[in-house]
Amino acid sequence: MKYSGWPDPGELVVGKIDEIEDFGVFVDLEEYRDKRGLIHISEVASGWIKNVRDHVREGQIVVCKVLDVDEGHEQIDLSLKDVNDHQRSDKIQEWKNEQKADNWMALAFGDEVDDEEYTSIANELLAVHGSLYDGFKQAAIHGREALEDTDLDDDEVDAIVETARENVSVPYVNVTGYVDLENPSPTGVDGIREALSAAEGNGEVPEEVDLDVTYVGAPEYRIQVQAPNYKTAESQLEESARRAVAAIEEHGGSGEYHRERRSDEE
């Protein structure tokens, strides 16, 4: 997505070097529509510069700091030397992420989506999540819930969530806990099975969570949870164990949740 406005002084921008002169370098701003900036020779690198071309080349992608913006004269002054390696790396990654999000927008709404509709949808994601990339990322993790605070209609929300779930790689965390289940009542093994089914969720586990219950050694069962973050993972782990204990107690049995394994290692 290319912004139609102007960058702000102090902002970091990504640009492609378009033209090199003895007095400086002209840069096409990749994130802004029809905007071009100038890096004066004194802002290309620290110290005395004999030849600008020793430091930059045409077609090179660079990260610059905006020094000044004069909208009246359509002039943007940039600095290359004021950007450190860490800032450059972070900004390039942010720019690449937004390029990915642009592609996801095309997948969600088709290449034929007009500029007005695209901008309207993008602005909703920007207002709530700060960037298109983060909007899609949160949709991949939380589904429709991530877009509740937007004014997008149901079809737009569904398109974003479906595309996000199919294309966004989300970092997940894994947690493990254990539950002991004993059932001396007449229901015996059937009661245990019912408790394990309850632990697995009975359809109550959120879409973004993967929960698995396996046998360790009587009376111990392992509960493994994969989720987008530790808060969700821990919550689902405890809720799974609670369901199992409640189910076995209804059969007159007993259950206990613990985080560390008690049985001998297999």
Protein backbone atom coordinates (compact mmCIF):
# COMPACT_ATOMS: atom_id res chain seq x y z
CA MET A 1 0.00 0.00 0.00
CA LYS A 2 1.36 3.41 -0.96
CA TYR A 3 0.22 6.39 1.10
CA SER A 4 -1.10 9.43 -0.72
CA GLY A 5 0.09 11.95 1.89
CA TRP A 6 3.49 13.17 2.98
CA PRO A 7 5.99 11.67 5.43
CA ASP A 8 6.70 13.44 8.71
CA PRO A 9 10.08 14.84 9.80
CA GLY A 10 11.91 12.24 11.85
CA GLU A 11 10.14 9.34 10.11
CA LEU A 12 12.12 6.48 8.62
CA VAL A 13 11.22 5.74 4.99
CA VAL A 14 12.19 3.14 2.41
CA GLY A 15 13.31 4.41 -0.96
CA LYS A 16 14.94 3.34 -4.20
CA ILE A 17 17.83 5.43 -5.50
CA ASP A 18 16.74 6.86 -8.82
CA GLU A 19 19.41 9.36 -9.77
CA ILE A 20 22.89 10.21 -8.51
CA GLU A 21 24.39 13.70 -8.92
CA ASP A 22 27.58 15.28 -7.62
CA PHE A 23 25.59 17.26 -5.03
CA GLY A 24 23.40 14.40 -3.80
CA VAL A 25 21.06 11.52 -4.47
CA PHE A 26 17.42 11.49 -5.59
CA VAL A 27 15.27 8.78 -4.02
CA ASP A 28 11.82 7.50 -4.99
CA LEU A 29 9.88 6.77 -1.80
CA GLU A 30 8.50 3.23 -1.95
CA GLU A 31 5.77 3.81 0.67
CA TYR A 32 4.39 7.08 -0.69
CA ARG A 33 2.62 7.67 -3.96
CA ASP A 34 4.52 9.92 -6.39
CA LYS A 35 6.92 11.21 -3.73
CA ARG A 36 10.63 11.81 -4.29
CA GLY A 37 13.28 12.95 -1.84
CA LEU A 38 16.83 14.29 -1.95
CA ILE A 39 19.80 13.10 0.09
CA HIS A 40 22.30 15.96 0.05
CA ILE A 41 25.91 14.80 -0.31
CA SER A 42 26.56 15.84 3.31
CA GLU A 43 23.85 13.38 4.44
CA VAL A 44 25.01 10.37 2.44
CA ALA A 45 27.78 9.33 4.84
CA SER A 46 29.85 10.69 7.68
CA GLY A 47 33.08 12.47 6.83
CA TRP A 48 34.30 13.94 3.57
CA ILE A 49 32.93 12.36 0.40
CA LYS A 50 34.99 12.49 -2.77
CA ASN A 51 32.59 10.54 -4.98
CA VAL A 52 28.95 9.86 -4.08
CA ARG A 53 28.98 6.71 -6.20
CA ASP A 54 31.50 5.16 -3.82
CA HIS A 55 28.66 4.97 -1.27
CA VAL A 56 25.45 4.35 -3.22
CA ARG A 57 24.29 2.99 -6.55
CA GLU A 58 21.26 3.53 -8.76
CA GLY A 59 18.43 1.06 -8.05
CA GLN A 60 19.63 0.46 -4.49
CA ILE A 61 16.96 0.12 -1.77
CA VAL A 62 17.82 2.36 1.18
CA VAL A 63 16.31 3.44 4.49
CA CYS A 64 16.44 7.18 5.12
CA LYS A 65 15.44 9.56 7.88
CA VAL A 66 13.18 12.43 6.87
CA LEU A 67 14.87 15.71 7.83
CA ASP A 68 12.39 18.23 6.45
CA VAL A 69 9.25 18.37 4.31
CA ASP A 70 8.22 21.38 2.23
CA GLU A 71 4.87 20.50 0.69
CA GLY A 72 4.61 23.84 -1.09
CA HIS A 73 7.79 23.23 -3.05
CA GLU A 74 7.22 19.44 -3.06
CA GLN A 75 10.61 18.93 -1.46
CA ILE A 76 11.61 16.15 0.98
CA ASP A 77 15.07 16.30 2.52
CA LEU A 78 16.50 12.95 3.58
CA SER A 79 19.48 11.58 5.47
CA LEU A 80 21.16 8.24 4.91
CA LYS A 81 23.90 8.62 7.50
CA ASP A 82 21.46 9.21 10.40
CA VAL A 83 20.05 5.66 10.14
CA ASN A 84 21.85 2.94 12.10
CA ASP A 85 22.01 -0.76 11.21
CA HIS A 86 19.31 -1.78 13.70
CA GLN A 87 16.88 0.86 12.43
CA ARG A 88 17.60 -0.10 8.85
CA SER A 89 16.97 -3.80 9.50
CA ASP A 90 13.71 -3.19 11.38
CA LYS A 91 12.39 -0.79 8.77
CA ILE A 92 13.18 -3.10 5.85
CA GLN A 93 11.40 -5.95 7.63
CA GLU A 94 8.39 -3.74 8.30
CA TRP A 95 8.30 -2.73 4.62
CA LYS A 96 8.54 -6.35 3.47
CA ASN A 97 5.71 -7.28 5.83
CA GLU A 98 3.50 -4.60 4.32
CA GLN A 99 4.30 -5.90 0.84
CA LYS A 100 3.11 -9.32 1.98
CA ALA A 101 -0.05 -7.73 3.34
CA ASP A 102 -0.64 -6.02 -0.01
CA ASN A 103 -0.53 -9.45 -1.65
CA TRP A 104 -2.95 -10.82 0.95
CA MET A 105 -5.34 -7.96 0.20
CA ALA A 106 -5.26 -8.95 -3.47
CA LEU A 107 -5.96 -12.58 -2.54
CA ALA A 108 -8.81 -11.56 -0.25
CA PHE A 109 -10.55 -9.09 -2.54
CA GLY A 110 -9.19 -9.76 -6.02
CA ASP A 111 -6.94 -7.70 -8.25
CA GLU A 112 -9.97 -5.88 -9.59
CA VAL A 113 -10.72 -4.15 -6.26
CA ASP A 114 -10.75 -0.39 -6.93
CA ASP A 115 -8.53 2.08 -5.10
CA GLU A 116 -11.38 3.57 -3.07
CA GLU A 117 -12.53 0.22 -1.70
CA TYR A 118 -8.95 -0.91 -1.06
CA THR A 119 -8.17 2.29 0.85
CA SER A 120 -11.38 2.02 2.88
CA ILE A 121 -10.61 -1.55 3.99
CA ALA A 122 -6.93 -0.78 4.60
CA ASN A 123 -7.77 2.25 6.74
CA GLU A 124 -9.97 0.10 8.98
CA LEU A 125 -7.10 -2.32 9.58
CA LEU A 126 -4.63 0.53 10.10
CA ALA A 127 -6.92 2.28 12.60
CA VAL A 128 -7.31 -0.80 14.78
CA HIS A 129 -4.02 -2.67 14.33
CA GLY A 130 -1.54 -0.04 13.13
CA SER A 131 -0.60 -1.86 9.92
CA LEU A 132 -2.10 -4.13 7.28
CA TYR A 133 0.32 -6.89 8.27
CA ASP A 134 -0.65 -6.83 11.93
CA GLY A 135 -4.32 -6.74 10.96
CA PHE A 136 -3.98 -9.96 8.97
CA LYS A 137 -1.76 -11.52 11.64
CA GLN A 138 -4.32 -10.88 14.37
CA ALA A 139 -7.09 -12.19 12.10
CA ALA A 140 -5.10 -15.40 11.62
CA ILE A 141 -4.75 -15.82 15.38
CA HIS A 142 -8.11 -14.61 16.70
CA GLY A 143 -10.42 -14.86 13.68
CA ARG A 144 -13.42 -12.53 13.49
CA GLU A 145 -12.79 -11.32 17.05
CA ALA A 146 -9.69 -9.44 15.84
CA LEU A 147 -11.86 -7.31 13.53
CA GLU A 148 -14.75 -6.56 15.90
CA ASP A 149 -13.64 -2.94 16.41
CA THR A 150 -13.59 -2.19 12.67
CA ASP A 151 -16.48 -1.03 10.51
CA LEU A 152 -15.85 -3.76 7.95
CA ASP A 153 -18.93 -5.65 6.78
CA ASP A 154 -19.37 -9.41 7.28
CA ASP A 155 -18.17 -10.34 3.80
CA GLU A 156 -15.01 -8.24 4.18
CA VAL A 157 -14.29 -9.73 7.60
CA ASP A 158 -14.78 -13.27 6.31
CA ALA A 159 -12.50 -12.62 3.33
CA ILE A 160 -9.72 -11.27 5.57
CA VAL A 161 -9.98 -14.08 8.12
CA GLU A 162 -10.05 -16.81 5.47
CA THR A 163 -7.06 -15.33 3.63
CA ALA A 164 -5.14 -14.79 6.87
CA ARG A 165 -5.74 -18.36 8.06
CA GLU A 166 -4.46 -19.71 4.73
CA ASN A 167 -1.42 -17.46 4.29
CA VAL A 168 -0.13 -15.95 7.53
CA SER A 169 2.51 -17.89 9.45
CA VAL A 170 1.79 -17.35 13.14
CA PRO A 171 4.30 -18.13 15.90
CA TYR A 172 2.79 -20.60 18.36
CA VAL A 173 3.73 -21.68 21.88
CA ASN A 174 3.35 -25.10 23.45
CA VAL A 175 2.53 -25.94 27.06
CA THR A 176 2.03 -29.28 28.78
CA GLY A 177 0.23 -30.38 31.93
CA TYR A 178 -1.03 -33.60 33.46
CA VAL A 179 -4.22 -34.83 35.04
CA ASP A 180 -4.68 -37.94 37.21
CA LEU A 181 -8.03 -39.65 36.74
CA GLU A 182 -9.31 -42.50 38.88
CA ASN A 183 -12.79 -44.03 38.76
CA PRO A 184 -13.56 -46.89 41.19
CA SER A 185 -17.29 -46.53 40.45
CA PRO A 186 -19.24 -49.05 38.30
CA THR A 187 -18.81 -46.84 35.23
CA GLY A 188 -15.07 -47.58 35.37
CA VAL A 189 -13.35 -47.17 32.00
CA ASP A 190 -16.42 -45.57 30.42
CA GLY A 191 -16.27 -42.80 33.00
CA ILE A 192 -12.57 -42.25 32.25
CA ARG A 193 -13.32 -42.04 28.53
CA GLU A 194 -16.01 -39.48 29.16
CA ALA A 195 -13.61 -37.42 31.26
CA LEU A 196 -10.97 -37.55 28.51
CA SER A 197 -13.54 -36.46 25.95
CA ALA A 198 -14.39 -33.53 28.21
CA ALA A 199 -10.69 -32.67 28.49
CA GLU A 200 -10.44 -32.54 24.70
CA GLY A 201 -13.11 -29.87 24.69
CA ASN A 202 -16.30 -31.35 23.32
CA GLY A 203 -16.13 -28.71 20.58
CA GLU A 204 -15.48 -25.83 23.01
CA VAL A 205 -11.79 -25.25 22.15
CA PRO A 206 -11.13 -22.03 20.12
CA GLU A 207 -10.15 -22.48 16.47
CA GLU A 208 -6.65 -21.07 17.02
CA VAL A 209 -5.88 -23.64 19.75
CA ASP A 210 -4.70 -27.21 19.18
CA LEU A 211 -5.34 -29.43 22.22
CA ASP A 212 -4.33 -33.09 22.54
CA VAL A 213 -4.82 -35.54 25.43
CA THR A 214 -2.72 -38.72 25.58
CA TYR A 215 -2.24 -41.62 28.00
CA VAL A 216 1.00 -41.63 30.02
CA GLY A 217 0.55 -44.38 32.58
CA ALA A 218 -2.29 -45.12 34.96
CA PRO A 219 -3.74 -42.93 36.34
CA GLU A 220 -1.90 -40.13 34.50
CA TYR A 221 -2.83 -38.39 31.23
CA ARG A 222 -0.88 -35.72 29.37
CA ILE A 223 -2.57 -32.55 28.08
CA GLN A 224 -0.67 -30.67 25.36
CA VAL A 225 -1.80 -27.27 24.12
CA GLN A 226 -0.55 -25.23 21.18
CA ALA A 227 -1.77 -21.63 21.06
CA PRO A 228 -0.74 -18.19 19.70
CA ASN A 229 0.45 -16.97 23.12
CA TYR A 230 1.19 -18.24 26.63
CA LYS A 231 -1.84 -16.59 28.23
CA THR A 232 -4.21 -18.44 25.92
CA ALA A 233 -2.24 -21.68 26.15
CA GLU A 234 -2.16 -21.69 29.96
CA SER A 235 -5.84 -20.80 30.16
CA GLN A 236 -6.84 -23.61 27.80
CA LEU A 237 -4.60 -26.09 29.62
CA GLU A 238 -6.21 -25.33 32.98
CA GLU A 239 -9.70 -25.34 31.48
CA SER A 240 -9.07 -28.75 29.88
CA ALA A 241 -7.97 -30.22 33.20
CA ARG A 242 -10.94 -28.64 34.98
CA ARG A 243 -13.37 -30.22 32.53
CA ALA A 244 -11.77 -33.64 33.00
CA VAL A 245 -11.85 -33.46 36.80
CA ALA A 246 -15.46 -32.25 36.83
CA ALA A 247 -16.51 -35.08 34.48
CA ILE A 248 -14.82 -37.84 36.50
CA GLU A 249 -16.24 -36.52 39.76
CA GLU A 250 -19.74 -36.80 38.30
CA HIS A 251 -19.06 -40.53 38.05
CA GLY A 252 -17.94 -40.72 41.66
CA GLY A 253 -14.27 -40.79 40.71
CA SER A 254 -11.49 -38.32 41.47
CA GLY A 255 -9.13 -36.18 39.48
CA GLU A 256 -6.11 -33.95 40.11
CA TYR A 257 -4.28 -31.51 37.82
CA HIS A 258 -0.52 -30.96 38.02
CA ARG A 259 2.13 -29.42 35.76
CA GLU A 260 4.95 -31.92 36.28
CA ARG A 261 4.89 -35.57 35.27
CA ARG A 262 4.65 -38.02 38.17
CA SER A 263 4.89 -41.40 36.45
CA ASP A 264 8.25 -42.93 35.53
CA GLU A 265 9.53 -41.63 32.18
CA GLU A 266 8.78 -43.88 29.23
